[in-house]
């Protein structure tokens, strides 16, 4: 249990440090989005650097394959609108 807890804290510390270094960029993604979308990023778009225009395009292209947790964080951060999510979902079900 101690190793799992240490690993979790290490991962969180790395995420916080990485985010702090990127926060000065105008296009930086919030920590909330990074945490909520980390699994989606690894599964779908890890070939691109985080906070890059390419990863944003990849996540947009992934669309309906994104987890609800990630979508909600993206909506809350203003990266995508609820209307766009609803429109894409309707198109996917046609």
PDB file of N, CA and C in Angstrom:
ATOM      1  N   UNK A   1       0.828  -1.191   0.000  1.00  0.00           N
ATOM      2  CA  UNK A   1       0.000   0.000   0.000  1.00  0.00           C
ATOM      3  C   UNK A   1       0.868   1.248   0.000  1.00  0.00           C
ATOM      4  N   UNK A   2       1.960   1.196   0.762  1.00  0.00           N
ATOM      5  CA  UNK A   2       2.852   2.355   0.838  1.00  0.00           C
ATOM      6  C   UNK A   2       3.439   2.678  -0.534  1.00  0.00           C
ATOM      7  N   UNK A   3       3.845   1.656  -1.296  1.00  0.00           N
ATOM      8  CA  UNK A   3       4.400   1.887  -2.627  1.00  0.00           C
ATOM      9  C   UNK A   3       3.366   2.495  -3.552  1.00  0.00           C
ATOM     10  N   UNK A   4       2.134   2.031  -3.479  1.00  0.00           N
ATOM     11  CA  UNK A   4       1.070   2.581  -4.322  1.00  0.00           C
ATOM     12  C   UNK A   4       0.810   4.038  -3.971  1.00  0.00           C
ATOM     13  N   UNK A   5       0.803   4.349  -2.684  1.00  0.00           N
ATOM     14  CA  UNK A   5       0.584   5.733  -2.252  1.00  0.00           C
ATOM     15  C   UNK A   5       1.743   6.616  -2.691  1.00  0.00           C
ATOM     16  N   UNK A   6       2.962   6.127  -2.538  1.00  0.00           N
ATOM     17  CA  UNK A   6       4.134   6.893  -2.976  1.00  0.00           C
ATOM     18  C   UNK A   6       4.084   7.145  -4.468  1.00  0.00           C
ATOM     19  N   UNK A   7       3.710   6.123  -5.220  1.00  0.00           N
ATOM     20  CA  UNK A   7       3.621   6.260  -6.675  1.00  0.00           C
ATOM     21  C   UNK A   7       2.561   7.286  -7.049  1.00  0.00           C
ATOM     22  N   UNK A   8       1.424   7.255  -6.382  1.00  0.00           N
ATOM     23  CA  UNK A   8       0.353   8.211  -6.663  1.00  0.00           C
ATOM     24  C   UNK A   8       0.825   9.631  -6.392  1.00  0.00           C
ATOM     25  N   UNK A   9       1.466   9.842  -5.247  1.00  0.00           N
ATOM     26  CA  UNK A   9       1.964  11.183  -4.920  1.00  0.00           C
ATOM     27  C   UNK A   9       3.028  11.629  -5.907  1.00  0.00           C
ATOM     28  N   UNK A  10       3.882  10.713  -6.338  1.00  0.00           N
ATOM     29  CA  UNK A  10       4.913  11.055  -7.323  1.00  0.00           C
ATOM     30  C   UNK A  10       4.286  11.485  -8.633  1.00  0.00           C
ATOM     31  N   UNK A  11       3.278  10.739  -9.070  1.00  0.00           N
ATOM     32  CA  UNK A  11       2.588  11.088 -10.318  1.00  0.00           C
ATOM     33  C   UNK A  11       1.921  12.454 -10.204  1.00  0.00           C
ATOM     34  N   UNK A  12       1.278  12.699  -9.074  1.00  0.00           N
ATOM     35  CA  UNK A  12       0.618  13.991  -8.872  1.00  0.00           C
ATOM     36  C   UNK A  12       1.640  15.118  -8.843  1.00  0.00           C
ATOM     37  N   UNK A  13       2.760  14.895  -8.174  1.00  0.00           N
ATOM     38  CA  UNK A  13       3.797  15.928  -8.105  1.00  0.00           C
ATOM     39  C   UNK A  13       4.349  16.230  -9.486  1.00  0.00           C
ATOM     40  N   UNK A  14       4.564  15.197 -10.287  1.00  0.00           N
ATOM     41  CA  UNK A  14       5.052  15.395 -11.653  1.00  0.00           C
ATOM     42  C   UNK A  14       4.037  16.178 -12.458  1.00  0.00           C
ATOM     43  N   UNK A  15       2.762  15.823 -12.330  1.00  0.00           N
ATOM     44  CA  UNK A  15       1.716  16.541 -13.067  1.00  0.00           C
ATOM     45  C   UNK A  15       1.665  18.008 -12.658  1.00  0.00           C
ATOM     46  N   UNK A  16       1.781  18.268 -11.368  1.00  0.00           N
ATOM     47  CA  UNK A  16       1.740  19.653 -10.885  1.00  0.00           C
ATOM     48  C   UNK A  16       2.953  20.426 -11.384  1.00  0.00           C
ATOM     49  N   UNK A  17       4.125  19.825 -11.310  1.00  0.00           N
ATOM     50  CA  UNK A  17       5.331  20.509 -11.781  1.00  0.00           C
ATOM     51  C   UNK A  17       5.281  20.750 -13.281  1.00  0.00           C
ATOM     52  N   UNK A  18       4.824  19.768 -14.026  1.00  0.00           N
ATOM     53  CA  UNK A  18       4.719  19.933 -15.477  1.00  0.00           C
ATOM     54  C   UNK A  18       3.724  21.025 -15.812  1.00  0.00           C
ATOM     55  N   UNK A  19       2.620  21.038 -15.100  1.00  0.00           N
ATOM     56  CA  UNK A  19       1.607  22.058 -15.343  1.00  0.00           C
ATOM     57  C   UNK A  19       2.128  23.431 -14.959  1.00  0.00           C
ATOM     58  N   UNK A  20       2.838  23.531 -13.860  1.00  0.00           N
ATOM     59  CA  UNK A  20       3.379  24.829 -13.437  1.00  0.00           C
ATOM     60  C   UNK A  20       4.329  25.376 -14.483  1.00  0.00           C
ATOM     61  N   UNK A  21       5.123  24.507 -15.071  1.00  0.00           N
ATOM     62  CA  UNK A  21       6.042  24.951 -16.107  1.00  0.00           C
ATOM     63  C   UNK A  21       5.338  25.370 -17.376  1.00  0.00           C
ATOM     64  N   UNK A  22       4.201  24.775 -17.644  1.00  0.00           N
ATOM     65  CA  UNK A  22       3.469  25.087 -18.866  1.00  0.00           C
ATOM     66  C   UNK A  22       2.446  26.191 -18.670  1.00  0.00           C
ATOM     67  N   UNK A  23       2.159  26.532 -17.439  1.00  0.00           N
ATOM     68  CA  UNK A  23       1.099  27.504 -17.165  1.00  0.00           C
ATOM     69  C   UNK A  23       1.397  28.885 -17.723  1.00  0.00           C
ATOM     70  N   UNK A  24       2.639  29.159 -17.987  1.00  0.00           N
ATOM     71  CA  UNK A  24       2.977  30.468 -18.535  1.00  0.00           C
ATOM     72  C   UNK A  24       2.641  30.560 -20.016  1.00  0.00           C
ATOM     73  N   UNK A  25       2.421  29.438 -20.645  1.00  0.00           N
ATOM     74  CA  UNK A  25       2.052  29.455 -22.055  1.00  0.00           C
ATOM     75  C   UNK A  25       0.603  29.894 -22.194  1.00  0.00           C
ATOM     76  N   UNK A  26       0.343  30.673 -23.223  1.00  0.00           N
ATOM     77  CA  UNK A  26      -1.016  31.182 -23.438  1.00  0.00           C
ATOM     78  C   UNK A  26      -2.006  30.057 -23.687  1.00  0.00           C
ATOM     79  N   UNK A  27      -1.551  28.968 -24.253  1.00  0.00           N
ATOM     80  CA  UNK A  27      -2.456  27.877 -24.592  1.00  0.00           C
ATOM     81  C   UNK A  27      -2.410  26.736 -23.584  1.00  0.00           C
ATOM     82  N   UNK A  28      -1.920  26.981 -22.380  1.00  0.00           N
ATOM     83  CA  UNK A  28      -1.791  25.937 -21.373  1.00  0.00           C
ATOM     84  C   UNK A  28      -3.152  25.380 -20.979  1.00  0.00           C
ATOM     85  N   UNK A  29      -3.190  24.080 -20.779  1.00  0.00           N
ATOM     86  CA  UNK A  29      -4.402  23.388 -20.358  1.00  0.00           C
ATOM     87  C   UNK A  29      -4.397  23.338 -18.836  1.00  0.00           C
ATOM     88  N   UNK A  30      -5.557  23.490 -18.224  1.00  0.00           N
ATOM     89  CA  UNK A  30      -5.640  23.510 -16.767  1.00  0.00           C
ATOM     90  C   UNK A  30      -5.286  22.152 -16.163  1.00  0.00           C
ATOM     91  N   UNK A  31      -4.881  22.187 -14.911  1.00  0.00           N
ATOM     92  CA  UNK A  31      -4.571  20.957 -14.194  1.00  0.00           C
ATOM     93  C   UNK A  31      -5.804  20.058 -14.138  1.00  0.00           C
ATOM     94  N   UNK A  32      -6.963  20.645 -13.943  1.00  0.00           N
ATOM     95  CA  UNK A  32      -8.205  19.859 -13.891  1.00  0.00           C
ATOM     96  C   UNK A  32      -8.391  19.062 -15.183  1.00  0.00           C
ATOM     97  N   UNK A  33      -8.167  19.717 -16.322  1.00  0.00           N
ATOM     98  CA  UNK A  33      -8.310  19.029 -17.609  1.00  0.00           C
ATOM     99  C   UNK A  33      -7.244  17.949 -17.741  1.00  0.00           C
ATOM    100  N   UNK A  34      -6.011  18.263 -17.379  1.00  0.00           N
ATOM    101  CA  UNK A  34      -4.943  17.265 -17.490  1.00  0.00           C
ATOM    102  C   UNK A  34      -5.245  16.028 -16.655  1.00  0.00           C
ATOM    103  N   UNK A  35      -5.716  16.232 -15.441  1.00  0.00           N
ATOM    104  CA  UNK A  35      -6.023  15.090 -14.576  1.00  0.00           C
ATOM    105  C   UNK A  35      -7.222  14.304 -15.094  1.00  0.00           C
ATOM    106  N   UNK A  36      -8.256  15.010 -15.541  1.00  0.00           N
ATOM    107  CA  UNK A  36      -9.472  14.343 -16.015  1.00  0.00           C
ATOM    108  C   UNK A  36      -9.254  13.618 -17.337  1.00  0.00           C
ATOM    109  N   UNK A  37      -8.344  14.122 -18.143  1.00  0.00           N
ATOM    110  CA  UNK A  37      -8.153  13.580 -19.494  1.00  0.00           C
ATOM    111  C   UNK A  37      -6.872  12.769 -19.654  1.00  0.00           C
ATOM    112  N   UNK A  38      -6.158  12.513 -18.583  1.00  0.00           N
ATOM    113  CA  UNK A  38      -4.866  11.833 -18.714  1.00  0.00           C
ATOM    114  C   UNK A  38      -4.989  10.455 -19.360  1.00  0.00           C
ATOM    115  N   UNK A  39      -5.999   9.687 -18.997  1.00  0.00           N
ATOM    116  CA  UNK A  39      -6.183   8.361 -19.605  1.00  0.00           C
ATOM    117  C   UNK A  39      -6.537   8.483 -21.078  1.00  0.00           C
ATOM    118  N   UNK A  40      -7.390   9.458 -21.397  1.00  0.00           N
ATOM    119  CA  UNK A  40      -7.777   9.684 -22.790  1.00  0.00           C
ATOM    120  C   UNK A  40      -6.550  10.096 -23.611  1.00  0.00           C
ATOM    121  N   UNK A  41      -5.758  10.984 -23.049  1.00  0.00           N
ATOM    122  CA  UNK A  41      -4.540  11.438 -23.721  1.00  0.00           C
ATOM    123  C   UNK A  41      -3.612  10.262 -23.999  1.00  0.00           C
ATOM    124  N   UNK A  42      -3.363   9.439 -22.976  1.00  0.00           N
ATOM    125  CA  UNK A  42      -2.459   8.295 -23.148  1.00  0.00           C
ATOM    126  C   UNK A  42      -2.989   7.312 -24.186  1.00  0.00           C
ATOM    127  N   UNK A  43      -4.284   7.068 -24.184  1.00  0.00           N
ATOM    128  CA  UNK A  43      -4.866   6.087 -25.097  1.00  0.00           C
ATOM    129  C   UNK A  43      -5.006   6.600 -26.528  1.00  0.00           C
ATOM    130  N   UNK A  44      -5.240   7.899 -26.679  1.00  0.00           N
ATOM    131  CA  UNK A  44      -5.610   8.411 -27.999  1.00  0.00           C
ATOM    132  C   UNK A  44      -4.611   9.365 -28.643  1.00  0.00           C
ATOM    133  N   UNK A  45      -3.885  10.124 -27.851  1.00  0.00           N
ATOM    134  CA  UNK A  45      -3.102  11.234 -28.422  1.00  0.00           C
ATOM    135  C   UNK A  45      -1.697  11.377 -27.859  1.00  0.00           C
ATOM    136  N   UNK A  46      -1.154  10.345 -27.243  1.00  0.00           N
ATOM    137  CA  UNK A  46       0.140  10.482 -26.571  1.00  0.00           C
ATOM    138  C   UNK A  46       1.306  10.711 -27.527  1.00  0.00           C
ATOM    139  N   UNK A  47       1.081  10.563 -28.811  1.00  0.00           N
ATOM    140  CA  UNK A  47       2.158  10.825 -29.765  1.00  0.00           C
ATOM    141  C   UNK A  47       2.436  12.321 -29.914  1.00  0.00           C
ATOM    142  N   UNK A  48       1.582  13.162 -29.334  1.00  0.00           N
ATOM    143  CA  UNK A  48       1.743  14.614 -29.409  1.00  0.00           C
ATOM    144  C   UNK A  48       2.089  15.178 -28.033  1.00  0.00           C
ATOM    145  N   UNK A  49       2.829  16.261 -28.029  1.00  0.00           N
ATOM    146  CA  UNK A  49       3.168  16.936 -26.776  1.00  0.00           C
ATOM    147  C   UNK A  49       1.907  17.537 -26.168  1.00  0.00           C
ATOM    148  N   UNK A  50       1.772  17.422 -24.841  1.00  0.00           N
ATOM    149  CA  UNK A  50       0.618  18.040 -24.190  1.00  0.00           C
ATOM    150  C   UNK A  50       0.698  19.545 -24.396  1.00  0.00           C
ATOM    151  N   UNK A  51      -0.443  20.189 -24.448  1.00  0.00           N
ATOM    152  CA  UNK A  51      -0.560  21.633 -24.682  1.00  0.00           C
ATOM    153  C   UNK A  51      -0.181  22.056 -26.097  1.00  0.00           C
ATOM    154  N   UNK A  52       0.016  21.104 -26.994  1.00  0.00           N
ATOM    155  CA  UNK A  52       0.356  21.460 -28.371  1.00  0.00           C
ATOM    156  C   UNK A  52      -0.918  21.596 -29.200  1.00  0.00           C
ATOM    157  N   UNK A  53      -0.860  22.335 -30.282  1.00  0.00           N
ATOM    158  CA  UNK A  53      -2.021  22.410 -31.178  1.00  0.00           C
ATOM    159  C   UNK A  53      -2.396  21.026 -31.712  1.00  0.00           C
ATOM    160  N   UNK A  54      -1.394  20.168 -31.899  1.00  0.00           N
ATOM    161  CA  UNK A  54      -1.659  18.826 -32.419  1.00  0.00           C
ATOM    162  C   UNK A  54      -2.468  17.979 -31.442  1.00  0.00           C
ATOM    163  N   UNK A  55      -2.166  18.087 -30.144  1.00  0.00           N
ATOM    164  CA  UNK A  55      -2.928  17.295 -29.178  1.00  0.00           C
ATOM    165  C   UNK A  55      -4.359  17.812 -29.083  1.00  0.00           C
ATOM    166  N   UNK A  56      -4.540  19.114 -29.199  1.00  0.00           N
ATOM    167  CA  UNK A  56      -5.903  19.659 -29.197  1.00  0.00           C
ATOM    168  C   UNK A  56      -6.683  19.128 -30.399  1.00  0.00           C
ATOM    169  N   UNK A  57      -6.046  19.112 -31.568  1.00  0.00           N
ATOM    170  CA  UNK A  57      -6.702  18.596 -32.773  1.00  0.00           C
ATOM    171  C   UNK A  57      -7.006  17.108 -32.624  1.00  0.00           C
ATOM    172  N   UNK A  58      -6.082  16.362 -32.036  1.00  0.00           N
ATOM    173  CA  UNK A  58      -6.283  14.930 -31.825  1.00  0.00           C
ATOM    174  C   UNK A  58      -7.453  14.675 -30.885  1.00  0.00           C
ATOM    175  N   UNK A  59      -7.523  15.422 -29.790  1.00  0.00           N
ATOM    176  CA  UNK A  59      -8.620  15.242 -28.831  1.00  0.00           C
ATOM    177  C   UNK A  59      -9.957  15.613 -29.474  1.00  0.00           C
ATOM    178  N   UNK A  60      -9.967  16.665 -30.288  1.00  0.00           N
ATOM    179  CA  UNK A  60     -11.198  17.033 -30.995  1.00  0.00           C
ATOM    180  C   UNK A  60     -11.609  15.919 -31.955  1.00  0.00           C
ATOM    181  N   UNK A  61     -10.630  15.362 -32.676  1.00  0.00           N
ATOM    182  CA  UNK A  61     -10.922  14.284 -33.617  1.00  0.00           C
ATOM    183  C   UNK A  61     -11.417  13.035 -32.884  1.00  0.00           C
ATOM    184  N   UNK A  62     -10.927  12.809 -31.676  1.00  0.00           N
ATOM    185  CA  UNK A  62     -11.349  11.643 -30.893  1.00  0.00           C
ATOM    186  C   UNK A  62     -12.813  11.753 -30.503  1.00  0.00           C
ATOM    187  N   UNK A  63     -13.276  12.983 -30.286  1.00  0.00           N
ATOM    188  CA  UNK A  63     -14.683  13.276 -30.042  1.00  0.00           C
ATOM    189  C   UNK A  63     -15.401  12.325 -29.125  1.00  0.00           C
ATOM    190  N   UNK A  64     -16.262  11.509 -29.694  1.00  0.00           N
ATOM    191  CA  UNK A  64     -17.131  10.633 -28.903  1.00  0.00           C
ATOM    192  C   UNK A  64     -16.377   9.539 -28.160  1.00  0.00           C
ATOM    193  N   UNK A  65     -15.114   9.309 -28.492  1.00  0.00           N
ATOM    194  CA  UNK A  65     -14.326   8.300 -27.780  1.00  0.00           C
ATOM    195  C   UNK A  65     -13.762   8.823 -26.465  1.00  0.00           C
ATOM    196  N   UNK A  66     -13.874  10.134 -26.231  1.00  0.00           N
ATOM    197  CA  UNK A  66     -13.392  10.700 -24.970  1.00  0.00           C
ATOM    198  C   UNK A  66     -14.304  10.279 -23.822  1.00  0.00           C
ATOM    199  N   UNK A  67     -13.724  10.099 -22.666  1.00  0.00           N
ATOM    200  CA  UNK A  67     -14.505   9.709 -21.489  1.00  0.00           C
ATOM    201  C   UNK A  67     -15.410  10.860 -21.047  1.00  0.00           C
ATOM    202  N   UNK A  68     -16.530  10.535 -20.392  1.00  0.00           N
ATOM    203  CA  UNK A  68     -17.401  11.594 -19.866  1.00  0.00           C
ATOM    204  C   UNK A  68     -16.652  12.527 -18.913  1.00  0.00           C
ATOM    205  N   UNK A  69     -15.766  11.977 -18.105  1.00  0.00           N
ATOM    206  CA  UNK A  69     -14.987  12.793 -17.165  1.00  0.00           C
ATOM    207  C   UNK A  69     -14.153  13.829 -17.923  1.00  0.00           C
ATOM    208  N   UNK A  70     -13.501  13.398 -18.983  1.00  0.00           N
ATOM    209  CA  UNK A  70     -12.679  14.299 -19.788  1.00  0.00           C
ATOM    210  C   UNK A  70     -13.556  15.339 -20.482  1.00  0.00           C
ATOM    211  N   UNK A  71     -14.645  14.898 -21.089  1.00  0.00           N
ATOM    212  CA  UNK A  71     -15.548  15.841 -21.764  1.00  0.00           C
ATOM    213  C   UNK A  71     -16.056  16.908 -20.806  1.00  0.00           C
ATOM    214  N   UNK A  72     -16.471  16.505 -19.624  1.00  0.00           N
ATOM    215  CA  UNK A  72     -16.973  17.476 -18.642  1.00  0.00           C
ATOM    216  C   UNK A  72     -15.898  18.488 -18.252  1.00  0.00           C
ATOM    217  N   UNK A  73     -14.667  18.030 -18.093  1.00  0.00           N
ATOM    218  CA  UNK A  73     -13.570  18.944 -17.754  1.00  0.00           C
ATOM    219  C   UNK A  73     -13.280  19.897 -18.908  1.00  0.00           C
ATOM    220  N   UNK A  74     -13.330  19.392 -20.133  1.00  0.00           N
ATOM    221  CA  UNK A  74     -13.103  20.242 -21.308  1.00  0.00           C
ATOM    222  C   UNK A  74     -14.196  21.295 -21.446  1.00  0.00           C
ATOM    223  N   UNK A  75     -15.429  20.909 -21.168  1.00  0.00           N
ATOM    224  CA  UNK A  75     -16.547  21.863 -21.211  1.00  0.00           C
ATOM    225  C   UNK A  75     -16.364  22.925 -20.131  1.00  0.00           C
ATOM    226  N   UNK A  76     -16.056  22.491 -18.911  1.00  0.00           N
ATOM    227  CA  UNK A  76     -15.885  23.429 -17.792  1.00  0.00           C
ATOM    228  C   UNK A  76     -14.741  24.410 -18.047  1.00  0.00           C
ATOM    229  N   UNK A  77     -13.706  23.963 -18.755  1.00  0.00           N
ATOM    230  CA  UNK A  77     -12.550  24.821 -19.041  1.00  0.00           C
ATOM    231  C   UNK A  77     -12.766  25.707 -20.265  1.00  0.00           C
ATOM    232  N   UNK A  78     -13.884  25.492 -20.959  1.00  0.00           N
ATOM    233  CA  UNK A  78     -14.156  26.295 -22.147  1.00  0.00           C
ATOM    234  C   UNK A  78     -13.409  25.829 -23.384  1.00  0.00           C
ATOM    235  N   UNK A  79     -12.828  24.643 -23.321  1.00  0.00           N
ATOM    236  CA  UNK A  79     -12.118  24.093 -24.479  1.00  0.00           C
ATOM    237  C   UNK A  79     -13.092  23.635 -25.558  1.00  0.00           C
ATOM    238  N   UNK A  80     -14.289  23.254 -25.138  1.00  0.00           N
ATOM    239  CA  UNK A  80     -15.334  22.800 -26.053  1.00  0.00           C
ATOM    240  C   UNK A  80     -16.670  23.189 -25.431  1.00  0.00           C
ATOM    241  N   UNK A  81     -17.662  23.436 -26.255  1.00  0.00           N
ATOM    242  CA  UNK A  81     -18.965  23.828 -25.711  1.00  0.00           C
ATOM    243  C   UNK A  81     -19.880  22.614 -25.571  1.00  0.00           C
ATOM    244  N   UNK A  82     -20.838  22.733 -24.672  1.00  0.00           N
ATOM    245  CA  UNK A  82     -21.834  21.679 -24.491  1.00  0.00           C
ATOM    246  C   UNK A  82     -22.608  21.481 -25.789  1.00  0.00           C
ATOM    247  N   UNK A  83     -22.846  22.574 -26.511  1.00  0.00           N
ATOM    248  CA  UNK A  83     -23.577  22.504 -27.777  1.00  0.00           C
ATOM    249  C   UNK A  83     -22.810  21.677 -28.807  1.00  0.00           C
ATOM    250  N   UNK A  84     -21.495  21.876 -28.872  1.00  0.00           N
ATOM    251  CA  UNK A  84     -20.693  21.096 -29.819  1.00  0.00           C
ATOM    252  C   UNK A  84     -20.710  19.621 -29.462  1.00  0.00           C
ATOM    253  N   UNK A  85     -20.617  19.311 -28.180  1.00  0.00           N
ATOM    254  CA  UNK A  85     -20.661  17.917 -27.733  1.00  0.00           C
ATOM    255  C   UNK A  85     -22.000  17.293 -28.116  1.00  0.00           C
ATOM    256  N   UNK A  86     -23.101  18.011 -27.866  1.00  0.00           N
ATOM    257  CA  UNK A  86     -24.432  17.499 -28.204  1.00  0.00           C
ATOM    258  C   UNK A  86     -24.586  17.320 -29.712  1.00  0.00           C
ATOM    259  N   UNK A  87     -24.078  18.283 -30.478  1.00  0.00           N
ATOM    260  CA  UNK A  87     -24.180  18.207 -31.941  1.00  0.00           C
ATOM    261  C   UNK A  87     -23.415  17.001 -32.472  1.00  0.00           C
ATOM    262  N   UNK A  88     -22.208  16.803 -31.972  1.00  0.00           N
ATOM    263  CA  UNK A  88     -21.409  15.659 -32.424  1.00  0.00           C
ATOM    264  C   UNK A  88     -22.045  14.331 -32.024  1.00  0.00           C
ATOM    265  N   UNK A  89     -22.617  14.286 -30.828  1.00  0.00           N
ATOM    266  CA  UNK A  89     -23.279  13.055 -30.377  1.00  0.00           C
ATOM    267  C   UNK A  89     -24.469  12.744 -31.269  1.00  0.00           C
ATOM    268  N   UNK A  90     -25.235  13.766 -31.642  1.00  0.00           N
ATOM    269  CA  UNK A  90     -26.390  13.569 -32.525  1.00  0.00           C
ATOM    270  C   UNK A  90     -25.933  13.082 -33.898  1.00  0.00           C
ATOM    271  N   UNK A  91     -24.860  13.649 -34.413  1.00  0.00           N
ATOM    272  CA  UNK A  91     -24.340  13.234 -35.720  1.00  0.00           C
ATOM    273  C   UNK A  91     -23.836  11.795 -35.680  1.00  0.00           C
ATOM    274  N   UNK A  92     -23.224  11.408 -34.590  1.00  0.00           N
ATOM    275  CA  UNK A  92     -22.678  10.059 -34.463  1.00  0.00           C
ATOM    276  C   UNK A  92     -23.774   9.006 -34.410  1.00  0.00           C
ATOM    277  N   UNK A  93     -24.947   9.386 -33.944  1.00  0.00           N
ATOM    278  CA  UNK A  93     -26.048   8.435 -33.803  1.00  0.00           C
ATOM    279  C   UNK A  93     -26.986   8.432 -34.999  1.00  0.00           C
ATOM    280  N   UNK A  94     -26.633   9.153 -36.051  1.00  0.00           N
ATOM    281  CA  UNK A  94     -27.485   9.167 -37.254  1.00  0.00           C
ATOM    282  C   UNK A  94     -27.135   8.036 -38.169  1.00  0.00           C
TER     283      UNK A  94
END
